[in-house]
Amino acid sequence: MIPGDIGAELTVGLRAAVAASELPASAAGLTSAGTWRPAPVQVGGGPGSYATSLPFRLAALTGREPAALAELL
């Protein structure tokens, strides 16, 4: 799977969470585009491993913990 595919799935997850009232409507406009970075080696990253800062963007929007939002996605 490549970041573009994962990004598309995250968009589906965001929209589903908004539809279920788990996230505010403004979250539907967020995307993972531009948030992908190589995953740090310290957390198990390596060649072909990526991480997104999308949960942190959602945390800033909602005031919730990024880890909980990552789990939701």
C-alpha atoms as a PDB file:
ATOM      1  CA  MET A   1       0.000   0.000   0.000  1.00  0.00           C
ATOM      2  CA  ILE A   2       1.267   3.485  -0.780  1.00  0.00           C
ATOM      3  CA  PRO A   3       0.563   6.742   1.093  1.00  0.00           C
ATOM      4  CA  GLY A   4      -1.948   7.797  -1.575  1.00  0.00           C
ATOM      5  CA  ASP A   5      -4.002   4.652  -0.987  1.00  0.00           C
ATOM      6  CA  ILE A   6      -3.810   5.040   2.766  1.00  0.00           C
ATOM      7  CA  GLY A   7      -4.722   8.715   2.413  1.00  0.00           C
ATOM      8  CA  ALA A   8      -7.853   7.763   0.472  1.00  0.00           C
ATOM      9  CA  GLU A   9      -8.834   5.325   3.220  1.00  0.00           C
ATOM     10  CA  LEU A  10      -8.209   7.970   5.886  1.00  0.00           C
ATOM     11  CA  THR A  11     -10.513  10.335   3.987  1.00  0.00           C
ATOM     12  CA  VAL A  12     -13.212   7.657   4.017  1.00  0.00           C
ATOM     13  CA  GLY A  13     -12.643   7.223   7.763  1.00  0.00           C
ATOM     14  CA  LEU A  14     -12.834  10.962   8.396  1.00  0.00           C
ATOM     15  CA  ARG A  15     -16.100  11.267   6.512  1.00  0.00           C
ATOM     16  CA  ALA A  16     -17.564   8.246   8.300  1.00  0.00           C
ATOM     17  CA  ALA A  17     -16.578   9.671  11.692  1.00  0.00           C
ATOM     18  CA  VAL A  18     -18.188  13.003  10.785  1.00  0.00           C
ATOM     19  CA  ALA A  19     -21.351  11.227   9.600  1.00  0.00           C
ATOM     20  CA  ALA A  20     -21.468   9.307  12.906  1.00  0.00           C
ATOM     21  CA  SER A  21     -20.982  12.583  14.843  1.00  0.00           C
ATOM     22  CA  GLU A  22     -17.684  11.294  16.261  1.00  0.00           C
ATOM     23  CA  LEU A  23     -15.894  14.298  14.724  1.00  0.00           C
ATOM     24  CA  PRO A  24     -17.123  17.822  13.962  1.00  0.00           C
ATOM     25  CA  ALA A  25     -18.295  18.641  10.446  1.00  0.00           C
ATOM     26  CA  SER A  26     -15.184  20.769   9.859  1.00  0.00           C
ATOM     27  CA  ALA A  27     -13.051  17.602  10.060  1.00  0.00           C
ATOM     28  CA  ALA A  28     -14.538  16.393   6.770  1.00  0.00           C
ATOM     29  CA  GLY A  29     -12.462  19.012   4.969  1.00  0.00           C
ATOM     30  CA  LEU A  30      -9.150  17.669   6.275  1.00  0.00           C
ATOM     31  CA  THR A  31      -6.977  15.346   4.232  1.00  0.00           C
ATOM     32  CA  SER A  32      -3.718  13.547   4.856  1.00  0.00           C
ATOM     33  CA  ALA A  33      -2.188  15.208   1.784  1.00  0.00           C
ATOM     34  CA  GLY A  34       1.067  16.891   2.717  1.00  0.00           C
ATOM     35  CA  THR A  35       1.241  15.207   6.126  1.00  0.00           C
ATOM     36  CA  TRP A  36       3.197  12.073   5.165  1.00  0.00           C
ATOM     37  CA  ARG A  37       6.762  11.670   6.440  1.00  0.00           C
ATOM     38  CA  PRO A  38       9.084   8.675   6.762  1.00  0.00           C
ATOM     39  CA  ALA A  39       8.322   6.941  10.054  1.00  0.00           C
ATOM     40  CA  PRO A  40      11.105   7.443  12.614  1.00  0.00           C
ATOM     41  CA  VAL A  41      13.387   4.465  13.185  1.00  0.00           C
ATOM     42  CA  GLN A  42      12.834   4.855  16.958  1.00  0.00           C
ATOM     43  CA  VAL A  43       9.202   3.764  16.537  1.00  0.00           C
ATOM     44  CA  GLY A  44       9.837   0.913  14.135  1.00  0.00           C
ATOM     45  CA  GLY A  45      10.127   2.903  10.936  1.00  0.00           C
ATOM     46  CA  GLY A  46      12.353   1.945   8.092  1.00  0.00           C
ATOM     47  CA  PRO A  47      12.345   1.895   4.323  1.00  0.00           C
ATOM     48  CA  GLY A  48       8.771   2.078   3.059  1.00  0.00           C
ATOM     49  CA  SER A  49       7.337   3.080   6.451  1.00  0.00           C
ATOM     50  CA  TYR A  50       5.380   6.306   6.671  1.00  0.00           C
ATOM     51  CA  ALA A  51       3.627   8.331   9.346  1.00  0.00           C
ATOM     52  CA  THR A  52       1.029  11.073   9.077  1.00  0.00           C
ATOM     53  CA  SER A  53       0.460  14.059  11.329  1.00  0.00           C
ATOM     54  CA  LEU A  54      -3.277  14.006  10.564  1.00  0.00           C
ATOM     55  CA  PRO A  55      -4.238  12.955  14.128  1.00  0.00           C
ATOM     56  CA  PHE A  56      -2.396  16.032  15.424  1.00  0.00           C
ATOM     57  CA  ARG A  57      -4.328  18.264  13.008  1.00  0.00           C
ATOM     58  CA  LEU A  58      -7.542  16.674  14.268  1.00  0.00           C
ATOM     59  CA  ALA A  59      -6.406  17.185  17.872  1.00  0.00           C
ATOM     60  CA  ALA A  60      -5.903  20.885  17.226  1.00  0.00           C
ATOM     61  CA  LEU A  61      -9.394  21.051  15.743  1.00  0.00           C
ATOM     62  CA  THR A  62     -11.183  19.031  18.427  1.00  0.00           C
ATOM     63  CA  GLY A  63      -9.120  19.359  21.611  1.00  0.00           C
ATOM     64  CA  ARG A  64      -8.947  15.563  21.862  1.00  0.00           C
ATOM     65  CA  GLU A  65      -5.832  13.419  22.271  1.00  0.00           C
ATOM     66  CA  PRO A  66      -4.004  12.565  19.009  1.00  0.00           C
ATOM     67  CA  ALA A  67      -3.612   8.897  20.003  1.00  0.00           C
ATOM     68  CA  ALA A  68      -7.359   8.500  20.497  1.00  0.00           C
ATOM     69  CA  LEU A  69      -8.020  10.163  17.150  1.00  0.00           C
ATOM     70  CA  ALA A  70      -5.477   7.925  15.413  1.00  0.00           C
ATOM     71  CA  GLU A  71      -7.279   4.929  16.877  1.00  0.00           C
ATOM     72  CA  LEU A  72     -10.609   6.290  15.654  1.00  0.00           C
ATOM     73  CA  LEU A  73      -9.242   6.581  12.125  1.00  0.00           C
END
